[in-house]
Protein backbone atom coordinates (compact mmCIF):
# COMPACT_ATOMS: atom_id res chain seq x y z
CA MET A 1 13.31 -52.08 69.44
CA ARG A 2 9.77 -50.74 69.43
CA PRO A 3 8.98 -47.33 70.95
CA GLU A 4 6.87 -49.01 73.65
CA GLU A 5 9.94 -50.94 74.83
CA ALA A 6 12.29 -47.93 74.85
CA LEU A 7 11.34 -46.65 78.31
CA ASP A 8 11.82 -50.04 79.95
CA ALA A 9 15.14 -50.51 78.15
CA ALA A 10 16.35 -47.05 79.25
CA ARG A 11 15.38 -47.74 82.86
CA ALA A 12 17.15 -51.10 82.80
CA ALA A 13 20.29 -49.52 81.33
CA ALA A 14 20.23 -46.77 83.97
CA ALA A 15 19.80 -49.31 86.77
CA ALA A 16 22.72 -51.39 85.46
CA ARG A 17 25.00 -48.35 85.26
CA ASP A 18 27.52 -47.91 88.07
CA ASP A 19 26.69 -44.38 89.20
CA PRO A 20 29.54 -42.62 91.03
CA LEU A 21 27.14 -40.52 93.15
CA PRO A 22 25.04 -42.17 95.84
CA ALA A 23 21.32 -41.53 95.75
CA GLY A 24 20.26 -38.16 97.14
CA ILE A 25 23.54 -36.35 96.42
CA SER A 26 23.66 -33.72 93.74
CA VAL A 27 26.50 -31.82 92.13
CA GLU A 28 26.30 -28.06 92.47
CA PRO A 29 26.83 -26.05 89.27
CA THR A 30 30.25 -24.48 89.02
CA GLU A 31 29.07 -21.26 87.42
CA ARG A 32 25.76 -19.47 87.84
CA VAL A 33 24.40 -17.33 85.05
CA SER A 34 23.34 -13.84 86.14
CA ILE A 35 19.87 -12.43 85.58
CA GLU A 36 21.38 -9.81 83.25
CA GLN A 37 22.86 -12.56 81.06
CA LEU A 38 19.55 -14.42 81.03
CA ILE A 39 17.73 -11.25 79.98
CA GLU A 40 20.20 -10.79 77.16
CA TRP A 41 19.64 -14.38 76.02
CA ALA A 42 15.85 -14.06 76.39
CA ASN A 43 15.69 -11.37 73.72
CA ILE A 44 15.32 -13.27 70.45
CA GLU A 45 17.03 -11.45 67.57
CA PRO A 46 17.91 -13.86 64.76
CA ASP A 47 20.40 -12.61 62.19
CA VAL A 48 19.42 -13.51 58.63
CA ASP A 49 23.00 -12.85 57.48
CA LEU A 50 24.12 -15.85 59.54
CA MET A 51 21.84 -18.14 57.55
CA ARG A 52 23.97 -20.30 55.27
CA SER A 53 24.37 -23.81 54.05
CA THR A 54 27.62 -25.77 53.68
CA ARG A 55 26.14 -28.48 51.50
CA ALA A 56 27.14 -29.07 47.87
CA LEU A 57 24.25 -26.89 46.67
CA GLY A 58 24.74 -24.40 49.48
CA ARG A 59 24.18 -21.17 47.58
CA PRO A 60 20.75 -22.08 46.11
CA ILE A 61 19.64 -23.59 49.43
CA THR A 62 20.63 -20.42 51.27
CA TRP A 63 18.78 -18.31 48.68
CA VAL A 64 15.61 -20.38 49.19
CA LYS A 65 15.91 -20.11 52.98
CA ARG A 66 16.28 -16.33 52.81
CA LYS A 67 13.28 -16.05 50.48
CA LEU A 68 11.23 -18.17 52.89
CA ILE A 69 12.24 -15.87 55.73
CA HIS A 70 11.17 -12.89 53.63
CA VAL A 71 7.81 -14.44 52.76
CA LEU A 72 7.12 -15.55 56.34
CA ARG A 73 8.51 -12.39 57.95
CA GLN A 74 5.22 -11.18 59.45
CA TYR A 75 4.42 -14.55 60.99
CA LEU A 76 7.96 -15.09 62.28
CA THR A 77 8.21 -11.56 63.68
CA GLU A 78 4.99 -12.04 65.66
CA LEU A 79 6.20 -15.43 66.89
CA GLN A 80 9.55 -13.96 67.97
CA ALA A 81 7.81 -11.05 69.70
CA GLN A 82 5.53 -13.36 71.66
CA GLN A 83 8.38 -15.64 72.71
CA THR A 84 10.61 -12.70 73.68
CA ARG A 85 7.76 -11.13 75.67
CA PHE A 86 7.21 -14.42 77.51
CA ASN A 87 10.93 -14.90 78.17
CA LEU A 88 11.38 -11.39 79.56
CA ASN A 89 8.26 -11.54 81.75
CA LEU A 90 9.37 -14.90 83.11
CA LEU A 91 12.82 -13.53 83.92
CA ILE A 92 11.32 -10.49 85.61
CA ARG A 93 9.24 -12.82 87.78
CA VAL A 94 12.32 -14.93 88.60
CA ALA A 95 14.27 -11.79 89.54
CA GLU A 96 11.40 -10.64 91.78
CA LEU A 97 11.32 -14.04 93.46
CA GLU A 98 15.09 -13.99 93.99
CA ASP A 99 14.80 -10.56 95.61
CA ARG A 100 11.96 -11.78 97.80
CA VAL A 101 13.93 -14.85 98.90
CA ALA A 102 16.92 -12.63 99.71
CA GLN A 103 14.70 -10.31 101.79
CA LEU A 104 13.16 -13.24 103.65
CA GLU A 105 16.57 -14.75 104.32
CA GLU A 106 17.80 -11.41 105.65
CA ALA A 107 14.71 -11.14 107.87
CA ARG A 108 15.25 -14.70 109.11
CA ASP A 109 18.93 -14.11 109.81
CA GLY A 110 18.28 -10.70 111.37
CA ASP A 111 17.78 -9.82 115.02
CA GLY A 112 14.12 -10.84 115.07
CA ALA A 113 14.73 -14.40 113.86
CA ALA A 114 14.67 -15.75 117.41
CA ASP A 115 11.30 -14.05 118.07
CA GLY A 116 9.68 -15.60 114.98
CA ASP A 117 9.64 -12.40 112.91
CA ALA A 118 10.72 -14.33 109.84
CA ASP A 119 7.56 -16.42 110.04
CA GLY A 120 5.54 -13.24 110.31
CA ALA A 121 7.30 -11.81 107.26
CA ILE A 122 6.50 -14.92 105.28
CA ALA A 123 2.87 -14.87 106.35
CA SER A 124 2.43 -11.15 105.65
CA GLY A 125 4.20 -11.50 102.31
CA GLY A 126 1.77 -14.22 101.28
CA ALA A 127 -1.15 -12.04 102.32
CA GLU A 128 0.21 -9.16 100.25
CA ARG A 129 0.49 -11.41 97.20
CA ASP A 130 -3.08 -12.63 97.61
CA ARG A 131 -4.40 -9.07 97.97
CA SER A 132 -2.54 -7.96 94.85
CA GLY A 133 -4.09 -10.67 92.71
CA GLY A 134 -0.99 -12.83 92.48
CA GLY A 135 -2.43 -15.86 94.20
CA ARG A 136 -2.64 -19.19 92.38
CA ALA A 137 -6.37 -19.62 92.93
CA GLU A 138 -7.19 -16.42 91.07
CA ARG A 139 -5.31 -17.30 87.89
C-alpha cells in the first residue's frame, strides 16, 4: 500500500467497523488528573542513571549514550528548560481558565442568574481580558 492510499484505506476500515457507540455519544473519562499532578508531570527532569540498554552489547551502548548526554548537556538542558517553562505556563493558564469557569458557573447558578447577571459577568470578564492585553487580536 502506498502512503497516498493509507488515508482512504483507514477511512474505509473505520466505516466498515461495527462501532458500539452511536454517533454523537462520547464516553466520559473515569478518572481526571488534577492540576497538581499535571504540574508535577510538566517538570521535565530526566534521570541519566535510568539510561540503560538490554541488548547483547548493552554496556558499551549505555556508555556511548551517557557520553552523548555529557557532550550535549548544554543543548539538552536548554531544550528541557524551554519545554518545562512552556509546560508550566500552559498549566498555569489552564488552571486560571478552570477557576474562571468555576466563578462564572457560580455566578450563573447564583441568585442573579434569573436577572441575567451571569451574562454581565461574562461580558465584563471579556472586557477585563481585553484591557489587560490578553485578547487574541493583540497577540
